[in-house]
Amino acid sequence: MLGRTAQNLFWLSRYVERAENMARLLEVGYRMSLTSRREGGASEHLMSMMQAAEVDEEFNKKHKTADVDTVAHFMMFDPDNASSVYSCLMAARTNARSVRTAITTDMWESLNGAWLEFSQIKPRDVRGAKLLGLLQWVKQLSHQFRGALLGTILRDDGFAFSQAGNFVERADNTARILDMKYYVLLPRAKMIGGDLDIQQWTLILRAASAHRSYRHVYHDRYKAHNIADFLILRPEMPRSLIFCARAIELTLDSLSELYGKRQDCHEAASQMRAMVEGTTMETIFAHGLHEFLTEFIARNNRVTECLSESYNFY
C-alpha cells in the first residue's frame, strides 16, 4: 500500500474518533459547569476541558471569557480550531475522498451523509438541551461509521491502518479525560469523597461511556482508585488504556505479518503495552497519576511518529 493511502486511512479513523471524543469532552465540561457552586467555577471547568483537549491556548487567543456558548461554538463549529467537530469531520471527509477506492461504499456514505447534515446546522440554534442532543448525534455518527468499517472493509493492511488510527486516538482521549480530573479538577482535600466529587467522577465515567459498566464491576461507592483502575488497567473495558495499548500492538503485529518485517513502531507499541501491563494502581498512585498519564501520552505519540516513519506517511 502506498504511504499516502496508509496515512489517509490512519487519519480518517483518527479524525472520526476525535470528533466523538471532542463531543464527549465538551459534554463533560458542560455538565461540570452546571454543577459548579462557586464563582468562576463554571469557567474553570470549561477551560480545564479545553486544556485536556490541548486547545486552550488557541481559545485564549480569540476569546476573553469562557462561557458555555462561546466554548461550545469553539469546540463544535470553529474552523480555526483544528480539533473542533467541524474541523474533524471536514478532515475525515477529505481523507476519505482521497482514498475513495480503498474504503467501502457504506463507509463513504456514512461519513459523507454525516458531513452534509452537520454542515446544515446553524450554530446560533445550538444551546442548552439542543447542544446535548447534538453531542449525542456526533457520538452516534462515529458509531455508525465504525460499524460500517467493521462490517464491510477487507481485513487487509487498510483495515490495520484504520484500526491503528482509531485506537491511538482513543487511548489519547482516555488518558486526557483522566488527567483533566486529577491535574485540574481535583477538589480541595475537604471535598474529596463529597457529593461534588462524586458528581465529577460520574461525569468522567460518562465521558468514556463507562458509567454503567463500572457499576457492573464495582458495586460500592465511587472511588478514585477504582475509577482510575477501570479506565487504565481493566482489559475488558474497551476504552481503557490497557485495552487500547493491546489493540494497537496487535494491529501493528498484523502489519508486520503482512509486510514480513518488524519496524520501530512495533517496538514502540510493545513498550507502551508493557508500561501499562507491568504496573499496578498502587504503583501508579505512589509515583503520581499525572506523571503516569503524561508518559503514556508521550509514548502513544511516539507510536504515531514511528508508524509515520516506518510506512512512509509523508
Protein backbone atom coordinates (compact mmCIF):
# COMPACT_ATOMS: atom_id res chain seq x y z
CA MET A 1 0.00 0.00 0.00
CA LEU A 2 1.23 3.49 -0.82
CA GLY A 3 2.35 5.51 2.18
CA ARG A 4 -0.09 8.31 1.36
CA THR A 5 -3.01 5.87 1.26
CA ALA A 6 -1.97 4.37 4.58
CA GLN A 7 -1.68 7.86 6.05
CA ASN A 8 -5.15 8.85 4.87
CA LEU A 9 -6.75 5.71 6.28
CA PHE A 10 -4.96 6.15 9.60
CA TRP A 11 -6.01 9.78 9.96
CA LEU A 12 -9.51 9.17 8.64
CA SER A 13 -10.18 6.91 11.61
CA ARG A 14 -8.37 9.26 14.00
CA TYR A 15 -10.46 12.25 12.94
CA VAL A 16 -13.76 10.38 13.27
CA GLU A 17 -12.75 9.14 16.72
CA ARG A 18 -11.55 12.63 17.65
CA ALA A 19 -14.86 14.20 16.66
CA GLU A 20 -16.59 11.78 19.01
CA ASN A 21 -14.07 12.44 21.76
CA MET A 22 -14.41 16.22 21.42
CA ALA A 23 -18.15 15.76 21.85
CA ARG A 24 -17.53 13.66 24.97
CA LEU A 25 -15.14 16.21 26.46
CA LEU A 26 -17.49 19.10 25.75
CA GLU A 27 -20.36 17.23 27.37
CA VAL A 28 -18.26 16.67 30.49
CA GLY A 29 -17.16 20.30 30.61
CA TYR A 30 -20.72 21.50 30.08
CA ARG A 31 -22.24 19.25 32.74
CA MET A 32 -19.47 20.03 35.23
CA SER A 33 -20.05 23.75 34.69
CA LEU A 34 -23.67 23.21 35.69
CA THR A 35 -22.63 21.58 38.98
CA SER A 36 -20.21 24.34 39.97
CA ARG A 37 -21.14 26.01 43.25
CA ARG A 38 -18.60 28.79 43.41
CA GLU A 39 -17.97 31.95 41.45
CA GLY A 40 -15.83 31.34 38.39
CA GLY A 41 -16.15 27.58 38.77
CA ALA A 42 -18.10 27.08 35.55
CA SER A 43 -15.45 28.87 33.51
CA GLU A 44 -12.73 26.85 35.25
CA HIS A 45 -14.40 23.57 34.31
CA LEU A 46 -14.76 24.63 30.69
CA MET A 47 -11.15 25.80 30.49
CA SER A 48 -9.91 22.56 32.03
CA MET A 49 -11.82 20.61 29.41
CA MET A 50 -10.14 22.62 26.65
CA GLN A 51 -6.78 22.15 28.36
CA ALA A 52 -7.33 18.40 28.25
CA ALA A 53 -8.02 18.71 24.52
CA GLU A 54 -4.95 20.97 24.13
CA VAL A 55 -6.97 23.76 22.54
CA ASP A 56 -6.97 26.21 25.47
CA GLU A 57 -4.18 28.39 24.06
CA GLU A 58 -5.95 28.76 20.73
CA PHE A 59 -9.16 29.64 22.56
CA ASN A 60 -7.44 32.30 24.67
CA LYS A 61 -6.06 33.94 21.54
CA LYS A 62 -9.59 34.50 20.24
CA HIS A 63 -11.75 34.91 23.35
CA LYS A 64 -11.52 36.74 26.67
CA THR A 65 -14.13 34.76 28.61
CA ALA A 66 -15.03 31.07 28.72
CA ASP A 67 -18.81 30.97 28.91
CA VAL A 68 -20.80 27.94 27.77
CA ASP A 69 -22.00 29.35 24.44
CA THR A 70 -18.56 30.64 23.42
CA VAL A 71 -16.81 27.41 24.35
CA ALA A 72 -19.47 25.26 22.68
CA HIS A 73 -19.13 27.20 19.42
CA PHE A 74 -15.33 26.97 19.58
CA MET A 75 -15.38 23.20 20.21
CA MET A 76 -18.15 22.41 17.74
CA PHE A 77 -18.05 24.84 14.82
CA ASP A 78 -14.87 26.94 14.77
CA PRO A 79 -12.87 26.16 11.59
CA ASP A 80 -9.79 27.78 13.16
CA ASN A 81 -9.84 25.14 15.90
CA ALA A 82 -8.17 22.11 14.30
CA SER A 83 -9.84 19.82 16.85
CA SER A 84 -13.38 21.19 16.59
CA VAL A 85 -16.03 18.73 15.47
CA TYR A 86 -16.39 20.77 12.27
CA SER A 87 -12.66 20.53 11.52
CA CYS A 88 -12.51 16.83 12.37
CA LEU A 89 -15.44 15.89 10.15
CA MET A 90 -14.15 18.01 7.29
CA ALA A 91 -10.67 16.48 7.59
CA ALA A 92 -12.12 12.97 7.83
CA ARG A 93 -14.21 13.55 4.70
CA THR A 94 -11.19 14.96 2.85
CA ASN A 95 -9.12 11.92 3.78
CA ALA A 96 -11.96 9.59 2.79
CA ARG A 97 -12.30 11.27 -0.60
CA SER A 98 -8.56 10.87 -1.18
CA VAL A 99 -8.83 7.10 -0.65
CA ARG A 100 -12.31 6.61 -2.09
CA THR A 101 -11.30 3.35 -3.77
CA ALA A 102 -9.73 1.99 -0.57
CA ILE A 103 -12.87 2.31 1.57
CA THR A 104 -16.30 0.78 1.11
CA THR A 105 -19.44 2.47 -0.15
CA ASP A 106 -21.03 2.13 3.29
CA MET A 107 -18.09 3.91 4.93
CA TRP A 108 -18.19 6.77 2.44
CA GLU A 109 -21.97 7.21 2.58
CA SER A 110 -21.93 7.17 6.38
CA LEU A 111 -19.27 9.86 6.60
CA ASN A 112 -20.42 11.98 3.68
CA GLY A 113 -24.02 11.93 4.89
CA ALA A 114 -22.94 12.98 8.37
CA TRP A 115 -20.89 15.86 6.98
CA LEU A 116 -23.73 17.12 4.78
CA GLU A 117 -26.14 17.00 7.72
CA PHE A 118 -23.71 18.70 10.10
CA SER A 119 -22.94 21.47 7.61
CA GLN A 120 -26.63 22.44 7.60
CA ILE A 121 -26.73 23.10 11.36
CA LYS A 122 -26.91 26.74 12.42
CA PRO A 123 -24.52 27.29 15.36
CA ARG A 124 -26.68 30.01 16.93
CA ASP A 125 -29.51 27.49 17.38
CA VAL A 126 -27.37 25.03 19.36
CA ARG A 127 -27.79 25.81 23.05
CA GLY A 128 -28.79 24.03 26.24
CA ALA A 129 -30.72 20.84 25.56
CA LYS A 130 -30.08 21.22 21.82
CA LEU A 131 -26.34 21.21 22.50
CA LEU A 132 -26.60 17.94 24.40
CA GLY A 133 -28.71 16.50 21.60
CA LEU A 134 -26.11 17.48 19.01
CA LEU A 135 -23.30 15.99 21.10
CA GLN A 136 -25.22 12.72 21.25
CA TRP A 137 -25.68 12.85 17.47
CA VAL A 138 -21.93 13.28 16.95
CA LYS A 139 -21.25 10.21 19.07
CA GLN A 140 -23.83 8.23 17.11
CA LEU A 141 -22.36 9.18 13.72
CA SER A 142 -18.98 7.94 14.95
CA HIS A 143 -20.57 4.63 15.96
CA GLN A 144 -22.27 4.40 12.58
CA PHE A 145 -19.02 4.95 10.69
CA ARG A 146 -17.18 2.44 12.87
CA GLY A 147 -19.94 -0.10 12.31
CA ALA A 148 -19.65 0.38 8.55
CA LEU A 149 -15.88 -0.05 8.77
CA LEU A 150 -16.01 -3.19 10.90
CA GLY A 151 -18.84 -4.71 8.90
CA THR A 152 -17.69 -4.10 5.33
CA ILE A 153 -13.94 -3.49 4.91
CA LEU A 154 -11.46 -6.21 3.96
CA ARG A 155 -9.15 -7.41 6.73
CA ASP A 156 -6.01 -6.28 4.97
CA ASP A 157 -3.42 -3.56 5.58
CA GLY A 158 -6.04 -0.87 5.01
CA PHE A 159 -8.06 -2.25 7.89
CA ALA A 160 -4.95 -2.38 10.06
CA PHE A 161 -4.05 1.26 9.45
CA SER A 162 -7.65 2.29 10.11
CA GLN A 163 -7.77 0.38 13.39
CA ALA A 164 -4.40 1.76 14.47
CA GLY A 165 -5.70 5.30 14.00
CA ASN A 166 -8.85 4.55 15.95
CA PHE A 167 -7.12 3.07 19.00
CA VAL A 168 -4.26 5.59 19.08
CA GLU A 169 -6.82 8.41 19.23
CA ARG A 170 -8.99 6.60 21.78
CA ALA A 171 -6.03 5.91 24.07
CA ASP A 172 -5.02 9.55 23.91
CA ASN A 173 -8.53 10.69 24.80
CA THR A 174 -8.96 8.35 27.77
CA ALA A 175 -5.63 9.46 29.20
CA ARG A 176 -6.60 13.12 28.80
CA ILE A 177 -10.01 12.61 30.39
CA LEU A 178 -8.34 11.10 33.46
CA ASP A 179 -5.68 13.79 33.53
CA MET A 180 -8.32 16.51 33.34
CA LYS A 181 -9.79 15.24 36.60
CA TYR A 182 -6.56 14.91 38.53
CA TYR A 183 -4.43 17.67 37.10
CA VAL A 184 -7.01 20.45 37.02
CA LEU A 185 -10.27 19.42 38.62
CA LEU A 186 -9.18 17.65 41.79
CA PRO A 187 -11.25 19.35 44.50
CA ARG A 188 -9.79 20.70 47.69
CA ALA A 189 -9.00 18.00 50.23
CA LYS A 190 -12.14 18.60 52.29
CA MET A 191 -14.28 17.99 49.17
CA ILE A 192 -12.79 14.63 48.22
CA GLY A 193 -15.43 11.92 48.55
CA GLY A 194 -18.22 14.51 48.87
CA ASP A 195 -21.25 14.96 46.66
CA LEU A 196 -19.46 17.28 44.22
CA ASP A 197 -16.51 14.92 43.88
CA ILE A 198 -18.88 12.01 43.15
CA GLN A 199 -20.71 14.10 40.53
CA GLN A 200 -17.43 14.88 38.80
CA TRP A 201 -16.31 11.26 38.79
CA THR A 202 -19.70 10.19 37.41
CA LEU A 203 -19.28 12.61 34.54
CA ILE A 204 -15.75 11.37 33.86
CA LEU A 205 -17.11 7.83 33.56
CA ARG A 206 -19.90 9.00 31.27
CA ALA A 207 -17.32 10.73 29.07
CA ALA A 208 -15.72 7.34 28.48
CA SER A 209 -19.07 5.51 28.12
CA ALA A 210 -18.06 3.64 31.25
CA HIS A 211 -20.66 4.65 33.84
CA ARG A 212 -22.93 1.63 33.55
CA SER A 213 -20.15 -0.90 33.01
CA TYR A 214 -18.30 0.50 36.04
CA ARG A 215 -21.34 -0.27 38.19
CA HIS A 216 -21.29 -3.87 36.94
CA VAL A 217 -17.69 -4.31 38.05
CA TYR A 218 -17.65 -2.18 41.23
CA HIS A 219 -20.80 -2.23 43.31
CA ASP A 220 -19.52 0.07 46.03
CA ARG A 221 -19.27 3.86 46.24
CA TYR A 222 -17.34 5.77 43.60
CA LYS A 223 -13.67 5.77 44.50
CA ALA A 224 -10.80 7.46 42.70
CA HIS A 225 -8.70 4.28 42.91
CA ASN A 226 -11.39 2.08 41.35
CA ILE A 227 -12.29 4.55 38.61
CA ALA A 228 -8.66 5.04 37.64
CA ASP A 229 -8.16 1.26 37.71
CA PHE A 230 -11.20 0.77 35.48
CA LEU A 231 -10.03 3.28 32.87
CA ILE A 232 -6.38 2.23 32.95
CA LEU A 233 -5.91 -1.44 33.82
CA ARG A 234 -9.18 -3.28 33.12
CA PRO A 235 -8.65 -5.19 29.84
CA GLU A 236 -12.38 -5.85 29.38
CA MET A 237 -13.13 -2.11 29.24
CA PRO A 238 -12.85 -1.11 25.52
CA ARG A 239 -11.73 2.45 26.27
CA SER A 240 -9.19 1.57 28.95
CA LEU A 241 -5.54 2.30 28.33
CA ILE A 242 -4.56 -1.36 28.53
CA PHE A 243 -7.26 -2.38 26.04
CA CYS A 244 -6.16 0.29 23.57
CA ALA A 245 -2.45 -0.46 24.04
CA ARG A 246 -3.02 -4.16 23.37
CA ALA A 247 -5.20 -3.39 20.35
CA ILE A 248 -2.54 -1.09 18.89
CA GLU A 249 0.16 -3.72 19.34
CA LEU A 250 -1.98 -6.47 17.80
CA THR A 251 -2.88 -4.24 14.87
CA LEU A 252 0.75 -3.36 14.17
CA ASP A 253 1.72 -7.03 14.56
CA SER A 254 -0.72 -7.82 11.75
CA LEU A 255 1.09 -5.26 9.59
CA SER A 256 4.44 -6.88 10.32
CA GLU A 257 2.99 -10.22 9.21
CA LEU A 258 1.56 -8.73 6.02
CA TYR A 259 4.80 -6.93 5.11
CA GLY A 260 7.17 -9.55 6.52
CA LYS A 261 9.15 -7.09 8.61
CA ARG A 262 9.04 -5.51 12.06
CA GLN A 263 9.61 -1.78 12.28
CA ASP A 264 10.42 0.69 15.04
CA CYS A 265 6.71 1.36 15.53
CA HIS A 266 6.19 -2.25 16.61
CA GLU A 267 8.78 -1.89 19.36
CA ALA A 268 7.25 1.43 20.44
CA ALA A 269 3.81 -0.17 20.66
CA SER A 270 5.21 -3.14 22.58
CA GLN A 271 6.90 -0.84 25.08
CA MET A 272 3.71 1.16 25.62
CA ARG A 273 1.70 -2.01 26.23
CA ALA A 274 4.36 -3.30 28.63
CA MET A 275 4.31 0.00 30.52
CA VAL A 276 0.61 -0.46 31.30
CA GLU A 277 0.67 -4.22 31.84
CA GLY A 278 3.68 -4.06 34.13
CA THR A 279 2.20 -1.80 36.77
CA THR A 280 -0.47 -1.63 39.45
CA MET A 281 -2.71 1.17 40.66
CA GLU A 282 -0.74 1.29 43.92
CA THR A 283 2.45 1.94 41.96
CA ILE A 284 0.76 4.50 39.72
CA PHE A 285 -0.62 6.47 42.66
CA ALA A 286 2.67 6.24 44.54
CA HIS A 287 4.62 7.77 41.66
CA GLY A 288 1.84 10.13 40.56
CA LEU A 289 -1.13 9.57 38.29
CA HIS A 290 -0.46 12.74 36.31
CA GLU A 291 3.14 11.65 35.69
CA PHE A 292 1.97 8.22 34.55
CA LEU A 293 -0.60 9.67 32.16
CA THR A 294 1.88 12.19 30.78
CA GLU A 295 4.34 9.41 29.99
CA PHE A 296 1.61 7.28 28.42
CA ILE A 297 0.50 10.13 26.16
CA ALA A 298 4.12 10.71 25.12
CA ARG A 299 4.58 7.01 24.31
CA ASN A 300 1.33 6.98 22.36
CA ASN A 301 2.54 9.96 20.34
CA ARG A 302 5.80 8.14 19.75
CA VAL A 303 3.89 5.21 18.25
CA THR A 304 2.31 7.58 15.74
CA GLU A 305 5.67 9.15 14.88
CA CYS A 306 7.30 5.75 14.35
CA LEU A 307 4.34 4.49 12.34
CA SER A 308 4.58 7.53 10.07
CA GLU A 309 8.29 6.97 9.55
CA SER A 310 8.06 3.19 9.13
CA TYR A 311 5.32 3.25 6.49
CA ASN A 312 6.24 6.48 4.67
CA PHE A 313 3.23 8.59 5.58
CA TYR A 314 4.86 11.71 4.16
